[in-house]
Amino acid sequence: MTEALDSNKLLGRPNQYTSAAWITDSGATAGETGIDGGAVVEVFENEADAKARSAYILRVLKEAGPVLGTEWHHMKGTALLRVSGLLSPSVNKQYATAFGS
């Protein structure tokens, strides 16, 4: 992902991800990028920043209720795998296993 393609406009900003990659999954929204397209891996400078990002997203989603959707989070060191709640729990488990979290 590049700065121009980052819909969140967080790439390279202080305490945010230093790199990220989208994973397109046919079970999610066709043609979408980022989490809406299936999954995204965000890599941070340190684990604390990755954990803070995950906690922030999950808090916002919980407070907003179902209107913003859901997602699963898996951590591995400085990497955060975010899997779209549009995908089934069994597909999320496959992502988690492949990620090694």
Protein backbone atom coordinates (compact mmCIF):
# COMPACT_ATOMS: atom_id res chain seq x y z
CA MET A 1 0.00 0.00 0.00
CA THR A 2 1.16 3.53 -0.69
CA GLU A 3 0.21 6.83 0.95
CA ALA A 4 -2.04 7.61 -2.03
CA LEU A 5 -3.93 4.31 -1.65
CA ASP A 6 -4.29 4.47 2.14
CA SER A 7 -7.95 5.30 2.72
CA ASN A 8 -7.25 5.84 6.45
CA LYS A 9 -4.43 8.32 5.71
CA LEU A 10 -2.41 6.81 8.59
CA LEU A 11 0.51 5.22 6.74
CA GLY A 12 3.78 6.55 8.14
CA ARG A 13 2.15 8.95 10.58
CA PRO A 14 3.33 9.08 14.22
CA ASN A 15 2.29 5.98 16.21
CA GLN A 16 0.49 4.50 13.21
CA TYR A 17 1.36 1.71 10.79
CA THR A 18 4.63 1.82 8.86
CA SER A 19 3.34 -0.55 6.19
CA ALA A 20 0.11 -2.31 5.31
CA ALA A 21 -1.28 -4.77 2.81
CA TRP A 22 -4.83 -5.59 1.73
CA ILE A 23 -6.12 -9.10 1.30
CA THR A 24 -9.06 -9.43 -1.07
CA ASP A 25 -11.51 -12.17 -0.15
CA SER A 26 -14.47 -13.20 -2.30
CA GLY A 27 -16.64 -13.47 0.81
CA ALA A 28 -16.33 -9.74 1.50
CA THR A 29 -17.34 -6.69 -0.55
CA ALA A 30 -16.19 -7.08 -4.16
CA GLY A 31 -13.97 -4.30 -5.48
CA GLU A 32 -13.30 -2.76 -2.08
CA THR A 33 -9.88 -2.21 -0.56
CA GLY A 34 -8.81 -2.41 3.06
CA ILE A 35 -10.93 -4.19 5.62
CA ASP A 36 -14.07 -3.92 3.46
CA GLY A 37 -12.43 -6.12 0.84
CA GLY A 38 -11.63 -8.94 3.25
CA ALA A 39 -8.65 -8.33 5.48
CA VAL A 40 -5.68 -6.07 6.06
CA VAL A 41 -2.33 -6.50 7.75
CA GLU A 42 -0.93 -3.38 9.40
CA VAL A 43 2.68 -3.33 10.65
CA PHE A 44 3.80 -0.93 13.36
CA GLU A 45 7.12 0.26 14.73
CA ASN A 46 6.39 -1.43 18.06
CA GLU A 47 3.86 -3.72 19.73
CA ALA A 48 2.42 -0.95 21.90
CA ASP A 49 1.32 1.02 18.83
CA ALA A 50 -0.21 -2.11 17.26
CA LYS A 51 -2.12 -2.89 20.46
CA ALA A 52 -3.29 0.72 20.76
CA ARG A 53 -4.61 0.69 17.18
CA SER A 54 -6.46 -2.58 17.76
CA ALA A 55 -7.97 -1.36 21.03
CA TYR A 56 -9.09 1.91 19.43
CA ILE A 57 -10.79 0.23 16.47
CA LEU A 58 -12.53 -2.38 18.62
CA ARG A 59 -13.75 0.29 21.06
CA VAL A 60 -15.19 2.44 18.25
CA LEU A 61 -16.92 -0.58 16.69
CA LYS A 62 -18.39 -1.65 20.02
CA GLU A 63 -19.65 1.85 20.85
CA ALA A 64 -21.16 2.35 17.38
CA GLY A 65 -23.03 -0.92 17.44
CA PRO A 66 -23.77 -2.88 14.27
CA VAL A 67 -23.89 0.20 12.02
CA LEU A 68 -20.09 0.14 11.49
CA GLY A 69 -19.88 -3.63 11.24
CA THR A 70 -17.50 -5.97 13.00
CA GLU A 71 -14.03 -7.34 12.56
CA TRP A 72 -11.65 -9.80 14.18
CA HIS A 73 -8.15 -8.80 15.27
CA HIS A 74 -5.09 -11.03 15.51
CA MET A 75 -1.72 -9.83 16.80
CA LYS A 76 1.72 -11.20 16.07
CA GLY A 77 4.55 -9.01 17.32
CA THR A 78 4.24 -5.63 15.64
CA ALA A 79 1.71 -6.89 13.06
CA LEU A 80 -2.06 -6.56 13.34
CA LEU A 81 -4.27 -8.72 11.11
CA ARG A 82 -7.78 -7.28 10.80
CA VAL A 83 -10.37 -9.65 9.29
CA SER A 84 -13.71 -8.31 8.10
CA GLY A 85 -16.81 -9.36 10.02
CA LEU A 86 -18.44 -9.87 6.61
CA LEU A 87 -16.52 -13.15 6.49
CA SER A 88 -17.67 -16.22 8.40
CA PRO A 89 -16.12 -17.28 11.70
CA SER A 90 -14.61 -20.33 10.00
CA VAL A 91 -12.87 -18.12 7.42
CA ASN A 92 -11.58 -15.89 10.22
CA LYS A 93 -10.14 -19.01 11.88
CA GLN A 94 -8.33 -19.87 8.64
CA TYR A 95 -6.79 -16.40 8.53
CA ALA A 96 -5.76 -16.63 12.19
CA THR A 97 -4.15 -20.02 11.64
CA ALA A 98 -2.27 -18.85 8.55
CA PHE A 99 -1.13 -15.72 10.38
CA GLY A 100 0.12 -17.80 13.28
CA SER A 101 -1.61 -15.84 16.02
